[in-house]
Amino acid sequence: PALTLTTGLRIDRRTAYRTNLSPRLAAVWAPLPQWSFKLLAGRAFREPNFNETDYFDSLQRRADHLEVERLQSLEFVALWRPRPSVSLSGSLYRSDMRDVIEVVEQDDGLAVFRNRRRAGPE
C-alpha cells in the first residue's frame, strides 16, 4: 500500500500589514490499485472588502470593526476505479465557519455589516 503525505502553508499579508497563515494537510492511501482514500484538512480566511468596511450612504452605515471570516475544513474521500474508464467516488466533509460577515438591519432601519460568531442558525 502506498501512503502519501502532503503539507502546505499559505502566508498572506493583509491590510495594515497583518499576516495570516493558512495551513493544509493531505494524506492519500492506496491499498489496492483500484482503491484510494484521501483525508484532507485545512484552514482559510477572507478579509472584509472595501464595501463591507468603508462604504456608507443614506441606507447603510460604515462598519466599526470587522474580523476576517475563518473556515476550517476536514474531508474524507473514497475513490474506486474498477477499470480505467470507470471512476466512482464518495466524500464526507465538515466545514466550520466563524466570524461570517453579514448585513444586519439596526433598530433605526439602517443596515450595517457585522460578524456572526458561527455560520448557520443561531
N, C-alpha and C. Protein backbone atom coordinates (compact mmCIF):
# COMPACT_ATOMS: atom_id res chain seq x y z
N PRO A 1 0.82 -1.21 0.00
CA PRO A 1 0.00 0.00 0.00
C PRO A 1 0.86 1.27 0.00
N ALA A 2 0.44 2.22 -0.78
CA ALA A 2 1.18 3.48 -0.87
C ALA A 2 0.50 4.55 -0.03
N LEU A 3 1.31 5.26 0.75
CA LEU A 3 0.80 6.37 1.56
C LEU A 3 1.59 7.61 1.19
N THR A 4 0.86 8.67 0.86
CA THR A 4 1.49 9.94 0.51
C THR A 4 0.97 11.02 1.44
N LEU A 5 1.87 11.79 2.01
CA LEU A 5 1.51 12.93 2.85
C LEU A 5 1.96 14.21 2.17
N THR A 6 1.09 15.19 2.17
CA THR A 6 1.40 16.49 1.58
C THR A 6 1.01 17.57 2.56
N THR A 7 1.89 18.53 2.75
CA THR A 7 1.58 19.67 3.61
C THR A 7 1.78 20.96 2.83
N GLY A 8 1.12 21.98 3.28
CA GLY A 8 1.28 23.28 2.65
C GLY A 8 0.98 24.38 3.64
N LEU A 9 1.54 25.52 3.38
CA LEU A 9 1.30 26.68 4.23
C LEU A 9 1.25 27.91 3.35
N ARG A 10 0.14 28.61 3.42
CA ARG A 10 -0.01 29.85 2.68
C ARG A 10 0.10 30.99 3.68
N ILE A 11 0.92 31.97 3.35
CA ILE A 11 1.10 33.15 4.20
C ILE A 11 0.62 34.36 3.40
N ASP A 12 -0.37 35.06 3.93
CA ASP A 12 -0.92 36.24 3.27
C ASP A 12 -0.62 37.48 4.10
N ARG A 13 -0.26 38.54 3.43
CA ARG A 13 -0.13 39.83 4.10
C ARG A 13 -1.42 40.59 3.85
N ARG A 14 -2.10 40.90 4.91
CA ARG A 14 -3.39 41.56 4.82
C ARG A 14 -3.23 43.07 4.93
N THR A 15 -4.38 43.76 4.87
CA THR A 15 -4.41 45.19 5.06
C THR A 15 -3.77 45.53 6.40
N ALA A 16 -3.12 46.66 6.49
CA ALA A 16 -2.43 47.10 7.70
C ALA A 16 -1.26 46.17 8.03
N TYR A 17 -0.76 45.45 7.02
CA TYR A 17 0.44 44.62 7.13
C TYR A 17 0.35 43.50 8.15
N ARG A 18 -0.84 43.07 8.48
CA ARG A 18 -1.00 41.89 9.32
C ARG A 18 -0.78 40.66 8.44
N THR A 19 -0.40 39.56 9.07
CA THR A 19 -0.23 38.32 8.30
C THR A 19 -1.24 37.29 8.77
N ASN A 20 -1.55 36.38 7.87
CA ASN A 20 -2.48 35.30 8.17
C ASN A 20 -1.90 34.01 7.61
N LEU A 21 -1.92 32.95 8.42
CA LEU A 21 -1.41 31.65 8.00
C LEU A 21 -2.58 30.72 7.68
N SER A 22 -2.47 30.01 6.57
CA SER A 22 -3.49 29.04 6.16
C SER A 22 -2.81 27.70 5.89
N PRO A 23 -2.73 26.82 6.91
CA PRO A 23 -2.09 25.52 6.69
C PRO A 23 -3.01 24.52 6.01
N ARG A 24 -2.41 23.55 5.34
CA ARG A 24 -3.14 22.48 4.67
C ARG A 24 -2.41 21.16 4.90
N LEU A 25 -3.16 20.08 4.95
CA LEU A 25 -2.60 18.75 5.12
C LEU A 25 -3.43 17.76 4.33
N ALA A 26 -2.76 16.86 3.62
CA ALA A 26 -3.46 15.83 2.85
C ALA A 26 -2.73 14.51 3.02
N ALA A 27 -3.50 13.45 3.21
CA ALA A 27 -2.96 12.09 3.26
C ALA A 27 -3.73 11.26 2.25
N VAL A 28 -3.02 10.56 1.38
CA VAL A 28 -3.64 9.70 0.37
C VAL A 28 -3.08 8.30 0.55
N TRP A 29 -3.99 7.34 0.70
CA TRP A 29 -3.61 5.95 0.89
C TRP A 29 -4.24 5.12 -0.21
N ALA A 30 -3.44 4.33 -0.91
CA ALA A 30 -3.92 3.47 -1.99
C ALA A 30 -3.57 2.02 -1.65
N PRO A 31 -4.46 1.31 -0.92
CA PRO A 31 -4.16 -0.05 -0.51
C PRO A 31 -4.16 -1.05 -1.68
N LEU A 32 -4.94 -0.75 -2.72
CA LEU A 32 -5.02 -1.57 -3.94
C LEU A 32 -5.03 -0.62 -5.14
N PRO A 33 -4.64 -1.10 -6.32
CA PRO A 33 -4.65 -0.21 -7.49
C PRO A 33 -6.02 0.41 -7.80
N GLN A 34 -7.12 -0.28 -7.45
CA GLN A 34 -8.46 0.23 -7.75
C GLN A 34 -8.99 1.18 -6.68
N TRP A 35 -8.38 1.19 -5.51
CA TRP A 35 -8.91 1.97 -4.39
C TRP A 35 -7.90 3.01 -3.91
N SER A 36 -8.42 4.18 -3.58
CA SER A 36 -7.61 5.17 -2.88
C SER A 36 -8.51 5.94 -1.92
N PHE A 37 -7.92 6.35 -0.81
CA PHE A 37 -8.63 7.08 0.23
C PHE A 37 -7.85 8.35 0.54
N LYS A 38 -8.57 9.44 0.70
CA LYS A 38 -7.92 10.73 0.96
C LYS A 38 -8.49 11.35 2.22
N LEU A 39 -7.63 11.94 3.00
CA LEU A 39 -8.03 12.73 4.16
C LEU A 39 -7.40 14.10 3.98
N LEU A 40 -8.24 15.13 3.93
CA LEU A 40 -7.79 16.50 3.65
C LEU A 40 -8.24 17.42 4.79
N ALA A 41 -7.35 18.28 5.23
CA ALA A 41 -7.68 19.24 6.28
C ALA A 41 -7.02 20.57 5.94
N GLY A 42 -7.69 21.65 6.31
CA GLY A 42 -7.10 22.95 6.04
C GLY A 42 -7.86 24.09 6.67
N ARG A 43 -7.22 25.23 6.65
CA ARG A 43 -7.84 26.47 7.13
C ARG A 43 -7.71 27.54 6.06
N ALA A 44 -8.67 28.45 6.05
CA ALA A 44 -8.66 29.56 5.10
C ALA A 44 -9.31 30.76 5.76
N PHE A 45 -9.21 31.91 5.10
CA PHE A 45 -9.82 33.13 5.64
C PHE A 45 -10.24 34.03 4.48
N ARG A 46 -11.10 34.99 4.81
CA ARG A 46 -11.47 36.05 3.86
C ARG A 46 -11.49 37.35 4.62
N GLU A 47 -10.70 38.29 4.16
CA GLU A 47 -10.65 39.60 4.78
C GLU A 47 -11.86 40.43 4.32
N PRO A 48 -12.41 41.27 5.19
CA PRO A 48 -13.51 42.14 4.76
C PRO A 48 -13.09 43.01 3.58
N ASN A 49 -14.00 43.19 2.62
CA ASN A 49 -13.67 44.02 1.47
C ASN A 49 -14.06 45.48 1.73
N PHE A 50 -13.73 46.36 0.79
CA PHE A 50 -13.97 47.79 0.94
C PHE A 50 -15.44 48.10 1.17
N ASN A 51 -16.32 47.42 0.45
CA ASN A 51 -17.75 47.66 0.61
C ASN A 51 -18.21 47.35 2.03
N GLU A 52 -17.63 46.35 2.65
CA GLU A 52 -18.03 45.94 3.99
C GLU A 52 -17.42 46.83 5.09
N THR A 53 -16.28 47.44 4.82
CA THR A 53 -15.61 48.22 5.88
C THR A 53 -15.78 49.73 5.76
N ASP A 54 -15.81 50.26 4.54
CA ASP A 54 -15.73 51.71 4.39
C ASP A 54 -16.90 52.38 3.68
N TYR A 55 -17.81 51.61 3.12
CA TYR A 55 -18.90 52.21 2.36
C TYR A 55 -20.04 52.61 3.29
N PHE A 56 -20.59 53.80 3.04
CA PHE A 56 -21.82 54.17 3.75
C PHE A 56 -22.60 55.16 2.90
N ASP A 57 -23.91 55.14 3.06
CA ASP A 57 -24.79 56.05 2.35
C ASP A 57 -26.01 56.30 3.23
N SER A 58 -27.11 56.72 2.63
CA SER A 58 -28.30 57.03 3.43
C SER A 58 -29.01 55.79 3.96
N LEU A 59 -28.68 54.60 3.43
CA LEU A 59 -29.32 53.37 3.89
C LEU A 59 -28.37 52.42 4.63
N GLN A 60 -27.09 52.70 4.54
CA GLN A 60 -26.13 51.78 5.13
C GLN A 60 -25.06 52.55 5.89
N ARG A 61 -24.73 52.07 7.07
CA ARG A 61 -23.70 52.69 7.90
C ARG A 61 -22.38 51.99 7.73
N ARG A 62 -21.33 52.73 7.94
CA ARG A 62 -19.98 52.17 7.92
C ARG A 62 -19.81 51.19 9.09
N ALA A 63 -19.14 50.08 8.84
CA ALA A 63 -18.89 49.10 9.90
C ALA A 63 -17.78 49.61 10.81
N ASP A 64 -17.99 49.49 12.12
CA ASP A 64 -16.99 49.95 13.08
C ASP A 64 -15.74 49.07 13.06
N HIS A 65 -15.95 47.78 13.22
CA HIS A 65 -14.81 46.86 13.28
C HIS A 65 -15.27 45.48 12.81
N LEU A 66 -14.61 44.97 11.81
CA LEU A 66 -14.93 43.64 11.30
C LEU A 66 -13.70 42.74 11.40
N GLU A 67 -13.93 41.50 11.82
CA GLU A 67 -12.88 40.49 11.84
C GLU A 67 -12.86 39.78 10.49
N VAL A 68 -11.79 39.05 10.20
CA VAL A 68 -11.77 38.23 8.99
C VAL A 68 -12.68 37.03 9.19
N GLU A 69 -13.28 36.55 8.11
CA GLU A 69 -14.04 35.31 8.15
C GLU A 69 -13.03 34.15 8.18
N ARG A 70 -13.34 33.10 8.93
CA ARG A 70 -12.43 31.96 9.05
C ARG A 70 -13.17 30.67 8.72
N LEU A 71 -12.47 29.78 8.03
CA LEU A 71 -13.01 28.49 7.66
C LEU A 71 -12.01 27.41 8.03
N GLN A 72 -12.50 26.36 8.65
CA GLN A 72 -11.69 25.18 8.94
C GLN A 72 -12.45 23.99 8.37
N SER A 73 -11.77 23.16 7.58
CA SER A 73 -12.48 22.05 6.93
C SER A 73 -11.71 20.74 7.09
N LEU A 74 -12.49 19.66 7.04
CA LEU A 74 -11.97 18.31 7.11
C LEU A 74 -12.78 17.49 6.12
N GLU A 75 -12.10 16.71 5.26
CA GLU A 75 -12.80 15.94 4.24
C GLU A 75 -12.19 14.55 4.11
N PHE A 76 -13.04 13.55 3.94
CA PHE A 76 -12.62 12.19 3.67
C PHE A 76 -13.21 11.79 2.32
N VAL A 77 -12.37 11.24 1.43
CA VAL A 77 -12.80 10.85 0.09
C VAL A 77 -12.40 9.40 -0.16
N ALA A 78 -13.33 8.61 -0.70
CA ALA A 78 -13.04 7.24 -1.16
C ALA A 78 -13.23 7.22 -2.67
N LEU A 79 -12.23 6.69 -3.37
CA LEU A 79 -12.27 6.65 -4.83
C LEU A 79 -12.05 5.21 -5.30
N TRP A 80 -12.97 4.71 -6.14
CA TRP A 80 -12.88 3.35 -6.67
C TRP A 80 -12.83 3.42 -8.19
N ARG A 81 -11.82 2.77 -8.77
CA ARG A 81 -11.66 2.71 -10.22
C ARG A 81 -11.59 1.24 -10.64
N PRO A 82 -12.76 0.62 -10.88
CA PRO A 82 -12.75 -0.81 -11.25
C PRO A 82 -12.07 -1.07 -12.59
N ARG A 83 -12.08 -0.08 -13.49
CA ARG A 83 -11.36 -0.16 -14.77
C ARG A 83 -11.03 1.27 -15.19
N PRO A 84 -10.13 1.46 -16.12
CA PRO A 84 -9.68 2.82 -16.48
C PRO A 84 -10.79 3.78 -16.92
N SER A 85 -11.87 3.27 -17.48
CA SER A 85 -12.94 4.15 -17.97
C SER A 85 -14.02 4.42 -16.93
N VAL A 86 -13.93 3.82 -15.74
CA VAL A 86 -14.95 3.99 -14.70
C VAL A 86 -14.30 4.47 -13.41
N SER A 87 -14.87 5.52 -12.86
CA SER A 87 -14.37 6.06 -11.59
C SER A 87 -15.56 6.50 -10.75
N LEU A 88 -15.66 5.97 -9.53
CA LEU A 88 -16.73 6.34 -8.61
C LEU A 88 -16.10 6.87 -7.33
N SER A 89 -16.67 7.95 -6.80
CA SER A 89 -16.12 8.49 -5.56
C SER A 89 -17.24 8.96 -4.65
N GLY A 90 -16.93 8.99 -3.38
CA GLY A 90 -17.85 9.50 -2.37
C GLY A 90 -17.04 10.28 -1.35
N SER A 91 -17.66 11.27 -0.74
CA SER A 91 -16.91 12.05 0.24
C SER A 91 -17.81 12.48 1.40
N LEU A 92 -17.18 12.67 2.52
CA LEU A 92 -17.79 13.23 3.72
C LEU A 92 -16.95 14.42 4.12
N TYR A 93 -17.60 15.50 4.50
CA TYR A 93 -16.81 16.66 4.90
C TYR A 93 -17.51 17.44 6.00
N ARG A 94 -16.71 18.20 6.69
CA ARG A 94 -17.22 19.09 7.73
C ARG A 94 -16.50 20.43 7.56
N SER A 95 -17.27 21.50 7.55
CA SER A 95 -16.71 22.84 7.48
C SER A 95 -17.22 23.64 8.66
N ASP A 96 -16.34 24.34 9.29
CA ASP A 96 -16.68 25.18 10.43
C ASP A 96 -16.33 26.62 10.07
N MET A 97 -17.35 27.45 9.88
CA MET A 97 -17.11 28.85 9.53
C MET A 97 -17.36 29.72 10.75
N ARG A 98 -16.46 30.66 10.96
CA ARG A 98 -16.57 31.57 12.11
C ARG A 98 -16.41 33.02 11.64
N ASP A 99 -17.00 33.89 12.39
CA ASP A 99 -16.92 35.33 12.12
C ASP A 99 -17.41 35.70 10.71
N VAL A 100 -18.48 35.04 10.29
CA VAL A 100 -19.07 35.29 8.97
C VAL A 100 -19.62 36.71 8.93
N ILE A 101 -19.31 37.43 7.86
CA ILE A 101 -19.76 38.81 7.71
C ILE A 101 -21.16 38.80 7.08
N GLU A 102 -22.10 39.49 7.73
CA GLU A 102 -23.45 39.56 7.22
C GLU A 102 -24.00 40.97 7.42
N VAL A 103 -25.04 41.29 6.65
CA VAL A 103 -25.72 42.57 6.78
C VAL A 103 -26.81 42.43 7.83
N VAL A 104 -26.84 43.36 8.77
CA VAL A 104 -27.84 43.35 9.84
C VAL A 104 -28.56 44.70 9.83
N GLU A 105 -29.89 44.65 9.87
CA GLU A 105 -30.65 45.90 9.95
C GLU A 105 -30.78 46.31 11.42
N GLN A 106 -30.44 47.54 11.70
CA GLN A 106 -30.49 48.06 13.06
C GLN A 106 -31.89 48.58 13.38
N ASP A 107 -32.11 48.97 14.62
CA ASP A 107 -33.41 49.49 15.06
C ASP A 107 -33.82 50.74 14.29
N ASP A 108 -32.84 51.55 13.87
CA ASP A 108 -33.16 52.78 13.14
C ASP A 108 -33.40 52.55 11.65
N GLY A 109 -33.36 51.28 11.20
CA GLY A 109 -33.65 50.96 9.81
C GLY A 109 -32.43 50.94 8.91
N LEU A 110 -31.29 51.38 9.40
CA LEU A 110 -30.07 51.36 8.59
C LEU A 110 -29.41 49.98 8.67
N ALA A 111 -28.74 49.62 7.59
CA ALA A 111 -28.04 48.34 7.54
C ALA A 111 -26.58 48.54 7.90
N VAL A 112 -25.99 47.54 8.54
CA VAL A 112 -24.58 47.58 8.90
C VAL A 112 -24.02 46.16 8.81
N PHE A 113 -22.75 46.04 8.45
CA PHE A 113 -22.10 44.74 8.40
C PHE A 113 -21.59 44.39 9.79
N ARG A 114 -21.81 43.14 10.20
CA ARG A 114 -21.34 42.64 11.49
C ARG A 114 -20.83 41.22 11.31
N ASN A 115 -19.97 40.79 12.23
CA ASN A 115 -19.52 39.41 12.23
C ASN A 115 -20.49 38.56 13.05
N ARG A 116 -20.87 37.45 12.49
CA ARG A 116 -21.63 36.44 13.22
C ARG A 116 -20.59 35.43 13.69
N ARG A 117 -20.63 35.07 14.95
CA ARG A 117 -19.60 34.20 15.51
C ARG A 117 -19.50 32.87 14.77
N ARG A 118 -20.63 32.26 14.44
CA ARG A 118 -20.63 30.97 13.75
C ARG A 118 -21.62 31.02 12.59
N ALA A 119 -21.34 30.26 11.55
CA ALA A 119 -22.30 30.16 10.44
C ALA A 119 -23.46 29.27 10.84
N GLY A 120 -24.58 29.47 10.21
CA GLY A 120 -25.76 28.65 10.49
C GLY A 120 -26.74 29.38 11.38
N PRO A 121 -27.84 28.72 11.70
CA PRO A 121 -28.86 29.36 12.53
C PRO A 121 -28.36 29.58 13.95
N GLU A 122 -28.82 30.67 14.53
CA GLU A 122 -28.43 30.98 15.94
C GLU A 122 -29.62 30.89 16.84
